[in-house]
């Protein structure tokens, strides 16, 4: 369809908006239109015979949805609920992983604590071991309680209460508890970005970093340095 516009003058010299009238291309010689490329394309498209779409095309078209831009650029998603995951989850019971899973509320396609993160307790009884794995770019573990070691591929890391370590996920990760000051076992707080990768439908490929270990005493010293540094009273938080 080609469009021909007309502007009408009204009193007090106020210009009315263009009145756009559709013009049919049927039985209209091509030389009556201007020679611009868009006009030529319109004429050529009008002359092409229409073909019936294939079954596959029809099926693909049935999956298409169109939305106003702002409604999807800033979509409304379910709120992350306030849930209680008490300490008893890592103080009692057998060696296991206790995930903070609220996927039923978030409507995600896999276990999730928030739309892009999954947190969990890892309970390990003294003398026992457990393997953790996730389809994620990395995993971070904070030692809530106990002493032990983690085998990261062929590297062995020893840890204690208050330590923190990060691991890539291209290797097997096996945690072992050697002792605990209470509750008959160690407890780790584990977090990864598995929900994000599950949503994107992808898997980590290749190692992006080597395992990292943060000693509890060193972290506390660093926080104390920040807390006593000039201007610290104006910071909205003291942390690393």
Protein backbone atom coordinates (compact mmCIF):
# COMPACT_ATOMS: atom_id res chain seq x y z
CA UNK A 1 0.00 0.00 0.00
CA UNK A 2 1.29 3.48 -0.92
CA UNK A 3 0.20 6.61 0.97
CA UNK A 4 -0.51 10.06 -0.43
CA UNK A 5 -0.60 12.98 2.09
CA UNK A 6 -2.48 16.30 1.96
CA UNK A 7 -2.24 19.35 4.29
CA UNK A 8 -5.27 21.63 4.64
CA UNK A 9 -5.12 25.26 5.84
CA UNK A 10 -7.54 26.32 8.56
CA UNK A 11 -8.21 29.79 10.06
CA UNK A 12 -5.56 31.64 12.11
CA UNK A 13 -2.84 29.88 10.13
CA UNK A 14 -2.84 26.79 12.36
CA UNK A 15 -1.75 23.79 10.34
CA UNK A 16 -3.84 20.65 10.71
CA UNK A 17 -2.10 17.27 10.80
CA UNK A 18 -1.69 15.54 7.44
CA UNK A 19 -4.68 13.62 6.21
CA UNK A 20 -3.32 10.27 5.08
CA UNK A 21 -5.39 8.37 2.55
CA UNK A 22 -4.60 4.79 1.49
CA UNK A 23 -4.18 4.33 -2.22
CA UNK A 24 -4.60 0.94 -3.84
CA UNK A 25 -1.84 -0.28 -6.15
CA UNK A 26 -4.19 -2.47 -8.10
CA UNK A 27 -4.14 -1.76 -11.85
CA UNK A 28 -1.85 1.24 -11.34
CA UNK A 29 1.08 1.48 -13.80
CA UNK A 30 4.45 1.66 -12.12
CA UNK A 31 5.45 4.83 -14.02
CA UNK A 32 2.77 6.82 -12.14
CA UNK A 33 4.85 6.57 -8.96
CA UNK A 34 8.09 8.39 -8.24
CA UNK A 35 11.27 6.56 -9.08
CA UNK A 36 12.54 6.25 -5.47
CA UNK A 37 13.77 2.83 -4.28
CA UNK A 38 11.04 2.40 -1.67
CA UNK A 39 8.29 3.07 -4.20
CA UNK A 40 9.83 0.57 -6.63
CA UNK A 41 10.04 -2.05 -3.88
CA UNK A 42 6.36 -1.51 -3.04
CA UNK A 43 5.35 -2.04 -6.65
CA UNK A 44 7.49 -5.17 -6.98
CA UNK A 45 6.08 -6.60 -3.74
CA UNK A 46 2.53 -5.99 -4.93
CA UNK A 47 3.19 -7.91 -8.17
CA UNK A 48 4.67 -10.98 -6.45
CA UNK A 49 2.28 -13.93 -6.18
CA UNK A 50 1.37 -14.93 -2.64
CA UNK A 51 2.23 -18.46 -1.51
CA UNK A 52 0.66 -20.43 1.30
CA UNK A 53 2.98 -20.76 4.34
CA UNK A 54 4.39 -24.19 5.09
CA UNK A 55 3.24 -26.10 8.15
CA UNK A 56 6.58 -25.40 9.83
CA UNK A 57 6.23 -21.66 9.18
CA UNK A 58 2.73 -21.66 10.62
CA UNK A 59 3.90 -23.54 13.71
CA UNK A 60 6.82 -21.14 14.26
CA UNK A 61 4.50 -18.17 13.83
CA UNK A 62 2.18 -19.53 16.51
CA UNK A 63 5.06 -19.18 19.03
CA UNK A 64 5.58 -15.49 18.28
CA UNK A 65 4.49 -12.95 20.88
CA UNK A 66 4.79 -9.16 20.62
CA UNK A 67 4.87 -6.82 23.59
CA UNK A 68 5.17 -3.09 24.10
CA UNK A 69 8.87 -2.29 24.60
CA UNK A 70 8.85 -0.89 28.15
CA UNK A 71 6.80 -3.81 29.47
CA UNK A 72 9.62 -6.25 28.65
CA UNK A 73 12.62 -3.95 29.10
CA UNK A 74 11.64 -3.69 32.78
CA UNK A 75 9.47 -6.78 33.33
CA UNK A 76 7.52 -7.41 36.49
CA UNK A 77 8.87 -10.54 38.19
CA UNK A 78 7.78 -12.22 41.43
CA UNK A 79 9.27 -10.66 44.54
CA UNK A 80 11.98 -12.63 46.32
CA UNK A 81 10.19 -13.87 49.43
CA UNK A 82 11.44 -13.43 52.97
CA UNK A 83 12.11 -17.00 54.08
CA UNK A 84 13.67 -18.37 57.25
CA UNK A 85 16.37 -21.04 56.91
CA UNK A 86 17.30 -21.62 60.56
CA UNK A 87 20.66 -22.79 61.91
CA UNK A 88 19.09 -26.11 62.85
CA UNK A 89 19.28 -27.00 59.16
CA UNK A 90 23.08 -27.35 59.47
CA UNK A 91 23.18 -28.36 63.15
CA UNK A 92 21.13 -31.54 62.96
CA UNK A 93 20.79 -34.61 60.79
CA UNK A 94 23.06 -36.53 58.41
CA UNK A 95 25.72 -35.23 56.04
CA UNK A 96 23.85 -33.45 53.24
CA UNK A 97 23.24 -30.29 51.21
CA UNK A 98 20.28 -28.21 52.41
CA UNK A 99 19.30 -25.80 49.61
CA UNK A 100 17.45 -22.51 50.16
CA UNK A 101 14.97 -23.28 47.40
CA UNK A 102 12.08 -20.86 46.75
CA UNK A 103 11.72 -21.72 43.05
CA UNK A 104 7.98 -22.40 43.43
CA UNK A 105 7.47 -18.76 44.40
CA UNK A 106 9.95 -17.32 41.90
CA UNK A 107 8.60 -19.59 39.14
CA UNK A 108 12.11 -20.56 37.98
CA UNK A 109 12.86 -23.77 36.09
CA UNK A 110 15.36 -25.00 38.71
CA UNK A 111 16.20 -24.60 42.41
CA UNK A 112 16.82 -20.93 43.25
CA UNK A 113 17.13 -18.57 46.21
CA UNK A 114 16.90 -15.48 44.01
CA UNK A 115 16.44 -15.24 40.22
CA UNK A 116 20.18 -15.63 39.64
CA UNK A 117 21.63 -17.21 42.80
CA UNK A 118 21.27 -20.43 44.78
CA UNK A 119 22.38 -20.65 48.41
CA UNK A 120 22.65 -23.73 50.62
CA UNK A 121 23.98 -25.15 53.86
CA UNK A 122 26.41 -28.04 53.59
CA UNK A 123 26.43 -30.22 56.72
CA UNK A 124 29.35 -32.67 57.10
CA UNK A 125 29.58 -35.02 60.06
CA UNK A 126 33.03 -35.55 61.60
CA UNK A 127 34.94 -38.13 59.60
CA UNK A 128 32.61 -37.95 56.61
CA UNK A 129 32.84 -36.39 53.14
CA UNK A 130 30.42 -34.93 50.60
CA UNK A 131 30.73 -33.88 46.96
CA UNK A 132 29.20 -30.62 45.73
CA UNK A 133 28.57 -29.74 42.09
CA UNK A 134 26.66 -27.04 40.26
CA UNK A 135 26.09 -25.91 36.71
CA UNK A 136 27.58 -22.49 37.52
CA UNK A 137 30.51 -20.24 36.72
CA UNK A 138 31.87 -20.63 40.26
CA UNK A 139 31.03 -21.53 43.84
CA UNK A 140 31.80 -19.67 47.05
CA UNK A 141 31.98 -21.42 50.44
CA UNK A 142 32.06 -19.80 53.89
CA UNK A 143 32.99 -22.00 56.84
CA UNK A 144 30.31 -21.52 59.51
CA UNK A 145 31.75 -24.14 61.84
CA UNK A 146 34.40 -26.84 62.04
CA UNK A 147 37.73 -27.74 60.48
CA UNK A 148 38.41 -29.88 57.47
CA UNK A 149 39.62 -29.94 53.91
CA UNK A 150 38.29 -29.63 50.39
CA UNK A 151 39.76 -31.49 47.43
CA UNK A 152 39.49 -29.26 44.37
CA UNK A 153 40.58 -31.43 41.48
CA UNK A 154 44.08 -32.49 42.52
CA UNK A 155 44.55 -29.59 44.99
CA UNK A 156 43.78 -29.95 48.70
CA UNK A 157 42.65 -26.90 50.70
CA UNK A 158 42.52 -26.98 54.50
CA UNK A 159 39.96 -24.74 56.19
CA UNK A 160 38.64 -23.70 59.63
CA UNK A 161 35.77 -21.68 61.08
CA UNK A 162 35.50 -18.23 59.49
CA UNK A 163 37.47 -19.03 56.34
CA UNK A 164 36.10 -18.42 52.85
CA UNK A 165 37.10 -19.95 49.52
CA UNK A 166 35.97 -19.82 45.90
CA UNK A 167 36.25 -22.59 43.35
CA UNK A 168 35.81 -22.89 39.59
CA UNK A 169 33.31 -25.52 38.54
CA UNK A 170 35.34 -27.45 36.00
CA UNK A 171 36.62 -29.89 38.67
CA UNK A 172 35.14 -32.24 41.26
CA UNK A 173 34.83 -30.69 44.74
CA UNK A 174 34.90 -33.01 47.78
CA UNK A 175 34.61 -31.65 51.33
CA UNK A 176 35.73 -33.59 54.43
CA UNK A 177 35.20 -32.69 58.09
CA UNK A 178 38.00 -33.58 60.52
CA UNK A 179 36.62 -31.91 63.67
CA UNK A 180 33.89 -29.60 64.91
CA UNK A 181 33.49 -27.44 68.01
CA UNK A 182 29.77 -28.30 68.21
CA UNK A 183 26.88 -30.25 66.67
CA UNK A 184 29.00 -33.25 65.65
CA UNK A 185 29.98 -31.78 62.32
CA UNK A 186 31.13 -28.89 60.15
CA UNK A 187 28.84 -26.46 58.35
CA UNK A 188 29.53 -24.54 55.14
CA UNK A 189 27.46 -21.78 53.55
CA UNK A 190 27.53 -22.37 49.77
CA UNK A 191 26.38 -20.00 47.04
CA UNK A 192 26.54 -20.17 43.23
CA UNK A 193 24.98 -18.58 40.14
CA UNK A 194 23.45 -21.83 38.92
CA UNK A 195 19.90 -20.39 38.43
CA UNK A 196 21.26 -17.79 36.01
CA UNK A 197 22.98 -20.38 33.83
CA UNK A 198 19.97 -22.67 33.96
CA UNK A 199 17.77 -19.80 32.78
CA UNK A 200 20.16 -18.97 29.93
CA UNK A 201 20.38 -22.64 28.95
CA UNK A 202 24.17 -22.68 28.96
CA UNK A 203 27.01 -24.47 30.74
CA UNK A 204 30.39 -23.15 31.96
CA UNK A 205 33.20 -23.87 29.54
CA UNK A 206 36.81 -23.66 30.65
CA UNK A 207 38.31 -22.34 33.86
CA UNK A 208 38.09 -18.58 34.34
CA UNK A 209 40.17 -18.47 37.55
CA UNK A 210 42.16 -20.66 39.96
CA UNK A 211 40.81 -21.62 43.41
CA UNK A 212 40.99 -18.75 45.92
CA UNK A 213 41.33 -18.95 49.71
CA UNK A 214 40.62 -16.16 52.22
CA UNK A 215 41.91 -16.75 55.76
CA UNK A 216 39.49 -15.73 58.56
CA UNK A 217 42.12 -13.82 60.59
CA UNK A 218 43.35 -11.90 57.55
CA UNK A 219 39.80 -10.92 56.60
CA UNK A 220 39.06 -9.67 60.13
CA UNK A 221 42.28 -7.62 60.14
CA UNK A 222 41.34 -6.04 56.81
CA UNK A 223 37.90 -5.09 58.10
CA UNK A 224 39.45 -3.52 61.21
CA UNK A 225 41.80 -1.45 59.01
CA UNK A 226 38.82 -0.17 57.03
CA UNK A 227 36.82 0.51 60.20
CA UNK A 228 39.58 2.72 61.65
CA UNK A 229 40.62 4.43 58.39
CA UNK A 230 40.02 8.20 58.00
CA UNK A 231 36.46 8.89 56.87
CA UNK A 232 35.18 5.46 57.92
CA UNK A 233 32.41 7.11 59.94
CA UNK A 234 30.89 8.35 56.68
CA UNK A 235 30.72 4.94 55.00
CA UNK A 236 27.31 3.30 54.78
CA UNK A 237 28.90 -0.08 55.52
CA UNK A 238 32.16 -1.54 56.76
CA UNK A 239 33.12 -4.65 54.87
CA UNK A 240 35.20 -6.36 52.22
